[in-house]
């Protein structure tokens, strides 16, 4: 079964709507104009929303890079502290082992 690629390109574009508006003015058939104006408004709103989404994406991407810069040194610090904890646990186990040996000799 082949995959059908979904297109994000609209069936009807802003330019198609403007061409239809021009045709209405040529023939002086103005009954469709209010609907075509609303269609153009919808296209304009979608374009503005897409621009806002792109701006938001760019800002979020920049914020992500800043957070990654902050994250790397913190991660390294956590790793060092985890190593230190392991060393301290080993030392504690050794000391507890010596203490129990000392207790058995008394």
PDB file of N, CA and C in Angstrom:
ATOM      1  N   UNK A   1       0.841  -1.167   0.000  1.00  0.00           N
ATOM      2  CA  UNK A   1       0.000   0.000   0.000  1.00  0.00           C
ATOM      3  C   UNK A   1       0.895   1.242   0.000  1.00  0.00           C
ATOM      4  N   UNK A   2       0.689   2.118  -0.929  1.00  0.00           N
ATOM      5  CA  UNK A   2       1.519   3.326  -0.994  1.00  0.00           C
ATOM      6  C   UNK A   2       0.947   4.390  -0.075  1.00  0.00           C
ATOM      7  N   UNK A   3       1.841   5.163   0.461  1.00  0.00           N
ATOM      8  CA  UNK A   3       1.421   6.256   1.335  1.00  0.00           C
ATOM      9  C   UNK A   3       1.103   7.473   0.492  1.00  0.00           C
ATOM     10  N   UNK A   4      -0.018   8.064   0.775  1.00  0.00           N
ATOM     11  CA  UNK A   4      -0.395   9.281   0.073  1.00  0.00           C
ATOM     12  C   UNK A   4       0.071  10.464   0.904  1.00  0.00           C
ATOM     13  N   UNK A   5       0.834  11.323   0.280  1.00  0.00           N
ATOM     14  CA  UNK A   5       1.348  12.480   0.994  1.00  0.00           C
ATOM     15  C   UNK A   5       0.259  13.539   1.101  1.00  0.00           C
ATOM     16  N   UNK A   6       0.103  14.044   2.305  1.00  0.00           N
ATOM     17  CA  UNK A   6      -0.913  15.064   2.538  1.00  0.00           C
ATOM     18  C   UNK A   6      -0.303  16.429   2.257  1.00  0.00           C
ATOM     19  N   UNK A   7      -0.983  17.186   1.436  1.00  0.00           N
ATOM     20  CA  UNK A   7      -0.503  18.511   1.070  1.00  0.00           C
ATOM     21  C   UNK A   7      -1.074  19.556   2.019  1.00  0.00           C
ATOM     22  N   UNK A   8      -0.239  20.513   2.390  1.00  0.00           N
ATOM     23  CA  UNK A   8      -0.725  21.614   3.216  1.00  0.00           C
ATOM     24  C   UNK A   8      -1.114  22.810   2.353  1.00  0.00           C
ATOM     25  N   UNK A   9      -0.969  22.674   1.042  1.00  0.00           N
ATOM     26  CA  UNK A   9      -1.328  23.746   0.126  1.00  0.00           C
ATOM     27  C   UNK A   9      -2.845  23.766  -0.031  1.00  0.00           C
ATOM     28  N   UNK A  10      -3.473  24.924   0.137  1.00  0.00           N
ATOM     29  CA  UNK A  10      -4.941  24.969   0.041  1.00  0.00           C
ATOM     30  C   UNK A  10      -5.422  24.733  -1.384  1.00  0.00           C
ATOM     31  N   UNK A  11      -6.644  24.229  -1.492  1.00  0.00           N
ATOM     32  CA  UNK A  11      -7.232  24.015  -2.817  1.00  0.00           C
ATOM     33  C   UNK A  11      -7.471  25.339  -3.530  1.00  0.00           C
ATOM     34  N   UNK A  12      -7.733  26.346  -2.765  1.00  0.00           N
ATOM     35  CA  UNK A  12      -8.033  27.662  -3.328  1.00  0.00           C
ATOM     36  C   UNK A  12      -7.113  28.663  -2.628  1.00  0.00           C
ATOM     37  N   UNK A  13      -6.422  29.460  -3.404  1.00  0.00           N
ATOM     38  CA  UNK A  13      -5.453  30.393  -2.831  1.00  0.00           C
ATOM     39  C   UNK A  13      -6.023  31.813  -2.792  1.00  0.00           C
ATOM     40  N   UNK A  14      -5.278  32.666  -2.124  1.00  0.00           N
ATOM     41  CA  UNK A  14      -5.624  34.079  -2.026  1.00  0.00           C
ATOM     42  C   UNK A  14      -5.720  34.699  -3.425  1.00  0.00           C
ATOM     43  N   UNK A  15      -4.768  34.349  -4.279  1.00  0.00           N
ATOM     44  CA  UNK A  15      -4.756  34.901  -5.641  1.00  0.00           C
ATOM     45  C   UNK A  15      -5.964  34.431  -6.445  1.00  0.00           C
ATOM     46  N   UNK A  16      -6.389  33.183  -6.240  1.00  0.00           N
ATOM     47  CA  UNK A  16      -7.590  32.689  -6.916  1.00  0.00           C
ATOM     48  C   UNK A  16      -8.802  33.538  -6.538  1.00  0.00           C
ATOM     49  N   UNK A  17      -8.904  33.858  -5.262  1.00  0.00           N
ATOM     50  CA  UNK A  17     -10.030  34.659  -4.780  1.00  0.00           C
ATOM     51  C   UNK A  17      -9.972  36.063  -5.371  1.00  0.00           C
ATOM     52  N   UNK A  18      -8.791  36.648  -5.422  1.00  0.00           N
ATOM     53  CA  UNK A  18      -8.664  37.987  -6.018  1.00  0.00           C
ATOM     54  C   UNK A  18      -8.989  37.958  -7.508  1.00  0.00           C
ATOM     55  N   UNK A  19      -8.575  36.909  -8.207  1.00  0.00           N
ATOM     56  CA  UNK A  19      -8.915  36.781  -9.635  1.00  0.00           C
ATOM     57  C   UNK A  19     -10.429  36.712  -9.825  1.00  0.00           C
ATOM     58  N   UNK A  20     -11.095  35.971  -8.940  1.00  0.00           N
ATOM     59  CA  UNK A  20     -12.549  35.874  -9.034  1.00  0.00           C
ATOM     60  C   UNK A  20     -13.202  37.224  -8.745  1.00  0.00           C
ATOM     61  N   UNK A  21     -12.629  37.985  -7.807  1.00  0.00           N
ATOM     62  CA  UNK A  21     -13.155  39.327  -7.527  1.00  0.00           C
ATOM     63  C   UNK A  21     -12.999  40.225  -8.754  1.00  0.00           C
ATOM     64  N   UNK A  22     -11.847  40.145  -9.410  1.00  0.00           N
ATOM     65  CA  UNK A  22     -11.620  40.953 -10.629  1.00  0.00           C
ATOM     66  C   UNK A  22     -12.635  40.593 -11.709  1.00  0.00           C
ATOM     67  N   UNK A  23     -12.899  39.285 -11.837  1.00  0.00           N
ATOM     68  CA  UNK A  23     -13.868  38.822 -12.829  1.00  0.00           C
ATOM     69  C   UNK A  23     -15.261  39.368 -12.520  1.00  0.00           C
ATOM     70  N   UNK A  24     -15.601  39.411 -11.219  1.00  0.00           N
ATOM     71  CA  UNK A  24     -16.903  39.968 -10.826  1.00  0.00           C
ATOM     72  C   UNK A  24     -17.006  41.433 -11.213  1.00  0.00           C
ATOM     73  N   UNK A  25     -15.934  42.181 -11.040  1.00  0.00           N
ATOM     74  CA  UNK A  25     -15.960  43.601 -11.401  1.00  0.00           C
ATOM     75  C   UNK A  25     -16.011  43.797 -12.916  1.00  0.00           C
ATOM     76  N   UNK A  26     -15.355  42.901 -13.655  1.00  0.00           N
ATOM     77  CA  UNK A  26     -15.400  43.008 -15.124  1.00  0.00           C
ATOM     78  C   UNK A  26     -16.822  42.805 -15.637  1.00  0.00           C
ATOM     79  N   UNK A  27     -17.511  41.837 -15.056  1.00  0.00           N
ATOM     80  CA  UNK A  27     -18.868  41.523 -15.520  1.00  0.00           C
ATOM     81  C   UNK A  27     -19.933  42.316 -14.762  1.00  0.00           C
ATOM     82  N   UNK A  28     -19.495  43.130 -13.799  1.00  0.00           N
ATOM     83  CA  UNK A  28     -20.390  43.924 -12.958  1.00  0.00           C
ATOM     84  C   UNK A  28     -21.386  43.048 -12.190  1.00  0.00           C
ATOM     85  N   UNK A  29     -20.982  41.823 -11.900  1.00  0.00           N
ATOM     86  CA  UNK A  29     -21.784  40.924 -11.074  1.00  0.00           C
ATOM     87  C   UNK A  29     -21.221  41.013  -9.659  1.00  0.00           C
ATOM     88  N   UNK A  30     -21.781  41.904  -8.860  1.00  0.00           N
ATOM     89  CA  UNK A  30     -21.237  42.203  -7.545  1.00  0.00           C
ATOM     90  C   UNK A  30     -21.883  41.401  -6.418  1.00  0.00           C
ATOM     91  N   UNK A  31     -22.723  40.455  -6.757  1.00  0.00           N
ATOM     92  CA  UNK A  31     -23.417  39.700  -5.709  1.00  0.00           C
ATOM     93  C   UNK A  31     -22.455  38.804  -4.932  1.00  0.00           C
ATOM     94  N   UNK A  32     -21.396  38.345  -5.520  1.00  0.00           N
ATOM     95  CA  UNK A  32     -20.449  37.434  -4.848  1.00  0.00           C
ATOM     96  C   UNK A  32     -19.374  38.178  -4.066  1.00  0.00           C
ATOM     97  N   UNK A  33     -19.277  39.477  -4.252  1.00  0.00           N
ATOM     98  CA  UNK A  33     -18.204  40.255  -3.634  1.00  0.00           C
ATOM     99  C   UNK A  33     -18.165  40.125  -2.108  1.00  0.00           C
ATOM    100  N   UNK A  34     -19.279  40.248  -1.373  1.00  0.00           N
ATOM    101  CA  UNK A  34     -19.185  40.120   0.095  1.00  0.00           C
ATOM    102  C   UNK A  34     -18.580  38.780   0.535  1.00  0.00           C
ATOM    103  N   UNK A  35     -18.967  37.706  -0.111  1.00  0.00           N
ATOM    104  CA  UNK A  35     -18.402  36.396   0.234  1.00  0.00           C
ATOM    105  C   UNK A  35     -16.923  36.310  -0.106  1.00  0.00           C
ATOM    106  N   UNK A  36     -16.529  36.901  -1.221  1.00  0.00           N
ATOM    107  CA  UNK A  36     -15.117  36.879  -1.620  1.00  0.00           C
ATOM    108  C   UNK A  36     -14.280  37.738  -0.677  1.00  0.00           C
ATOM    109  N   UNK A  37     -14.854  38.852  -0.210  1.00  0.00           N
ATOM    110  CA  UNK A  37     -14.138  39.693   0.753  1.00  0.00           C
ATOM    111  C   UNK A  37     -13.888  38.893   2.038  1.00  0.00           C
ATOM    112  N   UNK A  38     -14.902  38.174   2.495  1.00  0.00           N
ATOM    113  CA  UNK A  38     -14.741  37.356   3.700  1.00  0.00           C
ATOM    114  C   UNK A  38     -13.695  36.259   3.485  1.00  0.00           C
ATOM    115  N   UNK A  39     -13.686  35.698   2.289  1.00  0.00           N
ATOM    116  CA  UNK A  39     -12.687  34.668   1.990  1.00  0.00           C
ATOM    117  C   UNK A  39     -11.277  35.260   2.026  1.00  0.00           C
ATOM    118  N   UNK A  40     -11.119  36.469   1.464  1.00  0.00           N
ATOM    119  CA  UNK A  40      -9.814  37.144   1.520  1.00  0.00           C
ATOM    120  C   UNK A  40      -9.430  37.447   2.959  1.00  0.00           C
ATOM    121  N   UNK A  41     -10.403  37.859   3.765  1.00  0.00           N
ATOM    122  CA  UNK A  41     -10.131  38.130   5.171  1.00  0.00           C
ATOM    123  C   UNK A  41      -9.644  36.859   5.873  1.00  0.00           C
ATOM    124  N   UNK A  42     -10.262  35.736   5.559  1.00  0.00           N
ATOM    125  CA  UNK A  42      -9.857  34.458   6.153  1.00  0.00           C
ATOM    126  C   UNK A  42      -8.424  34.115   5.760  1.00  0.00           C
ATOM    127  N   UNK A  43      -8.108  34.312   4.471  1.00  0.00           N
ATOM    128  CA  UNK A  43      -6.730  34.051   4.034  1.00  0.00           C
ATOM    129  C   UNK A  43      -5.742  34.956   4.760  1.00  0.00           C
ATOM    130  N   UNK A  44      -6.109  36.243   4.890  1.00  0.00           N
ATOM    131  CA  UNK A  44      -5.236  37.188   5.593  1.00  0.00           C
ATOM    132  C   UNK A  44      -5.036  36.792   7.046  1.00  0.00           C
ATOM    133  N   UNK A  45      -6.120  36.376   7.706  1.00  0.00           N
ATOM    134  CA  UNK A  45      -6.008  35.948   9.102  1.00  0.00           C
ATOM    135  C   UNK A  45      -5.093  34.732   9.241  1.00  0.00           C
ATOM    136  N   UNK A  46      -5.209  33.810   8.301  1.00  0.00           N
ATOM    137  CA  UNK A  46      -4.358  32.612   8.349  1.00  0.00           C
ATOM    138  C   UNK A  46      -2.889  32.969   8.146  1.00  0.00           C
ATOM    139  N   UNK A  47      -2.640  33.911   7.226  1.00  0.00           N
ATOM    140  CA  UNK A  47      -1.256  34.320   6.991  1.00  0.00           C
ATOM    141  C   UNK A  47      -0.678  35.007   8.223  1.00  0.00           C
ATOM    142  N   UNK A  48      -1.457  35.866   8.843  1.00  0.00           N
ATOM    143  CA  UNK A  48      -0.984  36.544  10.057  1.00  0.00           C
ATOM    144  C   UNK A  48      -0.727  35.537  11.179  1.00  0.00           C
ATOM    145  N   UNK A  49      -1.607  34.564  11.301  1.00  0.00           N
ATOM    146  CA  UNK A  49      -1.423  33.540  12.328  1.00  0.00           C
ATOM    147  C   UNK A  49      -0.160  32.728  12.051  1.00  0.00           C
ATOM    148  N   UNK A  50       0.085  32.424  10.779  1.00  0.00           N
ATOM    149  CA  UNK A  50       1.288  31.664  10.436  1.00  0.00           C
ATOM    150  C   UNK A  50       2.550  32.464  10.751  1.00  0.00           C
ATOM    151  N   UNK A  51       2.526  33.765  10.490  1.00  0.00           N
ATOM    152  CA  UNK A  51       3.672  34.613  10.821  1.00  0.00           C
ATOM    153  C   UNK A  51       3.901  34.653  12.329  1.00  0.00           C
ATOM    154  N   UNK A  52       2.813  34.756  13.087  1.00  0.00           N
ATOM    155  CA  UNK A  52       2.936  34.764  14.549  1.00  0.00           C
ATOM    156  C   UNK A  52       3.486  33.424  15.043  1.00  0.00           C
ATOM    157  N   UNK A  53       3.024  32.327  14.445  1.00  0.00           N
ATOM    158  CA  UNK A  53       3.524  31.002  14.828  1.00  0.00           C
ATOM    159  C   UNK A  53       5.020  30.891  14.541  1.00  0.00           C
ATOM    160  N   UNK A  54       5.453  31.412  13.392  1.00  0.00           N
ATOM    161  CA  UNK A  54       6.873  31.357  13.043  1.00  0.00           C
ATOM    162  C   UNK A  54       7.700  32.179  14.029  1.00  0.00           C
ATOM    163  N   UNK A  55       7.197  33.352  14.416  1.00  0.00           N
ATOM    164  CA  UNK A  55       7.906  34.174  15.388  1.00  0.00           C
ATOM    165  C   UNK A  55       7.997  33.451  16.729  1.00  0.00           C
ATOM    166  N   UNK A  56       6.871  32.859  17.154  1.00  0.00           N
ATOM    167  CA  UNK A  56       6.865  32.127  18.420  1.00  0.00           C
ATOM    168  C   UNK A  56       7.833  30.953  18.373  1.00  0.00           C
ATOM    169  N   UNK A  57       7.865  30.252  17.248  1.00  0.00           N
ATOM    170  CA  UNK A  57       8.770  29.113  17.100  1.00  0.00           C
ATOM    171  C   UNK A  57      10.222  29.575  17.217  1.00  0.00           C
ATOM    172  N   UNK A  58      10.545  30.687  16.566  1.00  0.00           N
ATOM    173  CA  UNK A  58      11.910  31.206  16.619  1.00  0.00           C
ATOM    174  C   UNK A  58      12.287  31.581  18.050  1.00  0.00           C
ATOM    175  N   UNK A  59      11.381  32.271  18.746  1.00  0.00           N
ATOM    176  CA  UNK A  59      11.657  32.667  20.128  1.00  0.00           C
ATOM    177  C   UNK A  59      11.823  31.447  21.034  1.00  0.00           C
ATOM    178  N   UNK A  60      10.975  30.442  20.850  1.00  0.00           N
ATOM    179  CA  UNK A  60      11.078  29.233  21.666  1.00  0.00           C
ATOM    180  C   UNK A  60      12.369  28.476  21.367  1.00  0.00           C
ATOM    181  N   UNK A  61      12.783  28.464  20.106  1.00  0.00           N
ATOM    182  CA  UNK A  61      14.019  27.791  19.727  1.00  0.00           C
ATOM    183  C   UNK A  61      15.220  28.483  20.362  1.00  0.00           C
ATOM    184  N   UNK A  62      15.205  29.827  20.372  1.00  0.00           N
ATOM    185  CA  UNK A  62      16.291  30.571  21.006  1.00  0.00           C
ATOM    186  C   UNK A  62      16.311  30.311  22.514  1.00  0.00           C
ATOM    187  N   UNK A  63      15.144  30.273  23.124  1.00  0.00           N
ATOM    188  CA  UNK A  63      15.064  29.987  24.562  1.00  0.00           C
ATOM    189  C   UNK A  63      15.573  28.576  24.864  1.00  0.00           C
ATOM    190  N   UNK A  64      15.267  27.638  23.994  1.00  0.00           N
ATOM    191  CA  UNK A  64      15.743  26.267  24.172  1.00  0.00           C
ATOM    192  C   UNK A  64      17.265  26.214  24.150  1.00  0.00           C
ATOM    193  N   UNK A  65      17.887  26.926  23.219  1.00  0.00           N
ATOM    194  CA  UNK A  65      19.346  26.937  23.145  1.00  0.00           C
ATOM    195  C   UNK A  65      19.956  27.556  24.405  1.00  0.00           C
ATOM    196  N   UNK A  66      19.333  28.599  24.922  1.00  0.00           N
ATOM    197  CA  UNK A  66      19.825  29.213  26.158  1.00  0.00           C
ATOM    198  C   UNK A  66      19.721  28.233  27.331  1.00  0.00           C
ATOM    199  N   UNK A  67      18.602  27.530  27.400  1.00  0.00           N
ATOM    200  CA  UNK A  67      18.422  26.562  28.481  1.00  0.00           C
ATOM    201  C   UNK A  67      19.412  25.408  28.372  1.00  0.00           C
ATOM    202  N   UNK A  68      19.717  24.997  27.143  1.00  0.00           N
ATOM    203  CA  UNK A  68      20.708  23.930  26.954  1.00  0.00           C
ATOM    204  C   UNK A  68      22.083  24.379  27.441  1.00  0.00           C
ATOM    205  N   UNK A  69      22.401  25.658  27.218  1.00  0.00           N
ATOM    206  CA  UNK A  69      23.678  26.182  27.704  1.00  0.00           C
ATOM    207  C   UNK A  69      23.731  26.144  29.226  1.00  0.00           C
ATOM    208  N   UNK A  70      22.605  26.441  29.871  1.00  0.00           N
ATOM    209  CA  UNK A  70      22.550  26.395  31.334  1.00  0.00           C
ATOM    210  C   UNK A  70      22.557  24.949  31.840  1.00  0.00           C
ATOM    211  N   UNK A  71      21.964  24.058  31.087  1.00  0.00           N
ATOM    212  CA  UNK A  71      21.794  22.668  31.507  1.00  0.00           C
ATOM    213  C   UNK A  71      23.124  21.911  31.545  1.00  0.00           C
ATOM    214  N   UNK A  72      23.963  22.134  30.557  1.00  0.00           N
ATOM    215  CA  UNK A  72      25.201  21.356  30.441  1.00  0.00           C
ATOM    216  C   UNK A  72      26.087  21.470  31.690  1.00  0.00           C
ATOM    217  N   UNK A  73      26.413  22.676  32.190  1.00  0.00           N
ATOM    218  CA  UNK A  73      27.242  22.744  33.396  1.00  0.00           C
ATOM    219  C   UNK A  73      26.546  22.150  34.622  1.00  0.00           C
ATOM    220  N   UNK A  74      25.230  22.303  34.694  1.00  0.00           N
ATOM    221  CA  UNK A  74      24.504  21.732  35.829  1.00  0.00           C
ATOM    222  C   UNK A  74      24.556  20.206  35.792  1.00  0.00           C
ATOM    223  N   UNK A  75      24.444  19.650  34.609  1.00  0.00           N
ATOM    224  CA  UNK A  75      24.515  18.190  34.467  1.00  0.00           C
ATOM    225  C   UNK A  75      25.894  17.691  34.893  1.00  0.00           C
ATOM    226  N   UNK A  76      26.923  18.403  34.464  1.00  0.00           N
ATOM    227  CA  UNK A  76      28.279  18.008  34.846  1.00  0.00           C
ATOM    228  C   UNK A  76      28.459  18.075  36.361  1.00  0.00           C
ATOM    229  N   UNK A  77      27.895  19.110  36.974  1.00  0.00           N
ATOM    230  CA  UNK A  77      27.992  19.252  38.419  1.00  0.00           C
ATOM    231  C   UNK A  77      27.271  18.104  39.127  1.00  0.00           C
ATOM    232  N   UNK A  78      26.115  17.731  38.620  1.00  0.00           N
ATOM    233  CA  UNK A  78      25.365  16.617  39.209  1.00  0.00           C
ATOM    234  C   UNK A  78      26.172  15.327  39.097  1.00  0.00           C
ATOM    235  N   UNK A  79      26.788  15.110  37.954  1.00  0.00           N
ATOM    236  CA  UNK A  79      27.597  13.897  37.772  1.00  0.00           C
ATOM    237  C   UNK A  79      28.760  13.865  38.760  1.00  0.00           C
ATOM    238  N   UNK A  80      29.415  15.011  38.955  1.00  0.00           N
ATOM    239  CA  UNK A  80      30.517  15.071  39.920  1.00  0.00           C
ATOM    240  C   UNK A  80      30.026  14.777  41.330  1.00  0.00           C
ATOM    241  N   UNK A  81      28.874  15.341  41.684  1.00  0.00           N
ATOM    242  CA  UNK A  81      28.326  15.108  43.013  1.00  0.00           C
ATOM    243  C   UNK A  81      27.911  13.651  43.200  1.00  0.00           C
ATOM    244  N   UNK A  82      27.386  13.034  42.153  1.00  0.00           N
ATOM    245  CA  UNK A  82      27.028  11.617  42.249  1.00  0.00           C
ATOM    246  C   UNK A  82      28.279  10.760  42.455  1.00  0.00           C
ATOM    247  N   UNK A  83      29.362  11.109  41.766  1.00  0.00           N
ATOM    248  CA  UNK A  83      30.619  10.380  41.962  1.00  0.00           C
ATOM    249  C   UNK A  83      31.111  10.549  43.400  1.00  0.00           C
ATOM    250  N   UNK A  84      31.003  11.768  43.900  1.00  0.00           N
ATOM    251  CA  UNK A  84      31.431  12.039  45.269  1.00  0.00           C
ATOM    252  C   UNK A  84      30.587  11.238  46.265  1.00  0.00           C
ATOM    253  N   UNK A  85      29.292  11.152  46.011  1.00  0.00           N
ATOM    254  CA  UNK A  85      28.414  10.361  46.885  1.00  0.00           C
ATOM    255  C   UNK A  85      28.843   8.902  46.882  1.00  0.00           C
ATOM    256  N   UNK A  86      29.151   8.369  45.715  1.00  0.00           N
ATOM    257  CA  UNK A  86      29.586   6.973  45.624  1.00  0.00           C
ATOM    258  C   UNK A  86      30.881   6.753  46.411  1.00  0.00           C
ATOM    259  N   UNK A  87      31.819   7.694  46.276  1.00  0.00           N
ATOM    260  CA  UNK A  87      33.072   7.579  47.027  1.00  0.00           C
ATOM    261  C   UNK A  87      32.805   7.591  48.532  1.00  0.00           C
ATOM    262  N   UNK A  88      31.943   8.504  48.960  1.00  0.00           N
ATOM    263  CA  UNK A  88      31.622   8.599  50.383  1.00  0.00           C
ATOM    264  C   UNK A  88      30.920   7.337  50.881  1.00  0.00           C
ATOM    265  N   UNK A  89      30.059   6.760  50.056  1.00  0.00           N
ATOM    266  CA  UNK A  89      29.397   5.512  50.448  1.00  0.00           C
ATOM    267  C   UNK A  89      30.415   4.388  50.621  1.00  0.00           C
ATOM    268  N   UNK A  90      31.388   4.342  49.705  1.00  0.00           N
ATOM    269  CA  UNK A  90      32.427   3.306  49.795  1.00  0.00           C
ATOM    270  C   UNK A  90      33.268   3.505  51.052  1.00  0.00           C
ATOM    271  N   UNK A  91      33.629   4.761  51.321  1.00  0.00           N
ATOM    272  CA  UNK A  91      34.411   5.041  52.524  1.00  0.00           C
ATOM    273  C   UNK A  91      33.620   4.682  53.779  1.00  0.00           C
ATOM    274  N   UNK A  92      32.341   4.995  53.765  1.00  0.00           N
ATOM    275  CA  UNK A  92      31.492   4.678  54.906  1.00  0.00           C
ATOM    276  C   UNK A  92      31.426   3.167  55.110  1.00  0.00           C
ATOM    277  N   UNK A  93      31.283   2.434  54.020  1.00  0.00           N
ATOM    278  CA  UNK A  93      31.217   0.975  54.118  1.00  0.00           C
ATOM    279  C   UNK A  93      32.532   0.420  54.662  1.00  0.00           C
ATOM    280  N   UNK A  94      33.663   0.984  54.222  1.00  0.00           N
ATOM    281  CA  UNK A  94      34.955   0.536  54.731  1.00  0.00           C
ATOM    282  C   UNK A  94      35.072   0.806  56.224  1.00  0.00           C
ATOM    283  N   UNK A  95      34.671   2.019  56.619  1.00  0.00           N
ATOM    284  CA  UNK A  95      34.745   2.377  58.033  1.00  0.00           C
ATOM    285  C   UNK A  95      33.821   1.504  58.879  1.00  0.00           C
ATOM    286  N   UNK A  96      32.643   1.242  58.387  1.00  0.00           N
ATOM    287  CA  UNK A  96      31.721   0.379  59.120  1.00  0.00           C
ATOM    288  C   UNK A  96      32.276  -1.040  59.206  1.00  0.00           C
ATOM    289  N   UNK A  97      32.936  -1.469  58.159  1.00  0.00           N
ATOM    290  CA  UNK A  97      33.563  -2.793  58.159  1.00  0.00           C
ATOM    291  C   UNK A  97      34.676  -2.870  59.188  1.00  0.00           C
ATOM    292  N   UNK A  98      35.476  -1.821  59.316  1.00  0.00           N
ATOM    293  CA  UNK A  98      36.555  -1.780  60.307  1.00  0.00           C
ATOM    294  C   UNK A  98      35.973  -1.742  61.712  1.00  0.00           C
ATOM    295  N   UNK A  99      34.908  -0.968  61.884  1.00  0.00           N
ATOM    296  CA  UNK A  99      34.283  -0.884  63.197  1.00  0.00           C
ATOM    297  C   UNK A  99      33.753  -2.242  63.637  1.00  0.00           C
ATOM    298  N   UNK A 100      33.175  -2.988  62.717  1.00  0.00           N
ATOM    299  CA  UNK A 100      32.650  -4.296  63.090  1.00  0.00           C
ATOM    300  C   UNK A 100      33.792  -5.266  63.384  1.00  0.00           C
ATOM    301  N   UNK A 101      34.943  -5.097  62.680  1.00  0.00           N
ATOM    302  CA  UNK A 101      36.117  -5.932  62.977  1.00  0.00           C
ATOM    303  C   UNK A 101      36.651  -5.587  64.359  1.00  0.00           C
ATOM    304  N   UNK A 102      36.664  -4.314  64.703  1.00  0.00           N
ATOM    305  CA  UNK A 102      37.145  -3.880  66.013  1.00  0.00           C
ATOM    306  C   UNK A 102      36.224  -4.408  67.121  1.00  0.00           C
ATOM    307  N   UNK A 103      34.924  -4.449  66.867  1.00  0.00           N
ATOM    308  CA  UNK A 103      33.972  -4.921  67.855  1.00  0.00           C
ATOM    309  C   UNK A 103      34.154  -6.414  68.131  1.00  0.00           C
ATOM    310  N   UNK A 104      34.528  -7.177  67.115  1.00  0.00           N
ATOM    311  CA  UNK A 104      34.676  -8.627  67.307  1.00  0.00           C
ATOM    312  C   UNK A 104      35.951  -8.972  68.059  1.00  0.00           C
ATOM    313  N   UNK A 105      36.965  -8.105  67.974  1.00  0.00           N
ATOM    314  CA  UNK A 105      38.211  -8.390  68.668  1.00  0.00           C
ATOM    315  C   UNK A 105      38.130  -8.087  70.143  1.00  0.00           C
ATOM    316  N   UNK A 106      37.227  -7.264  70.572  1.00  0.00           N
ATOM    317  CA  UNK A 106      37.136  -6.898  71.988  1.00  0.00           C
ATOM    318  C   UNK A 106      36.456  -7.941  72.796  1.00  0.00           C
TER     319      UNK A 106
END
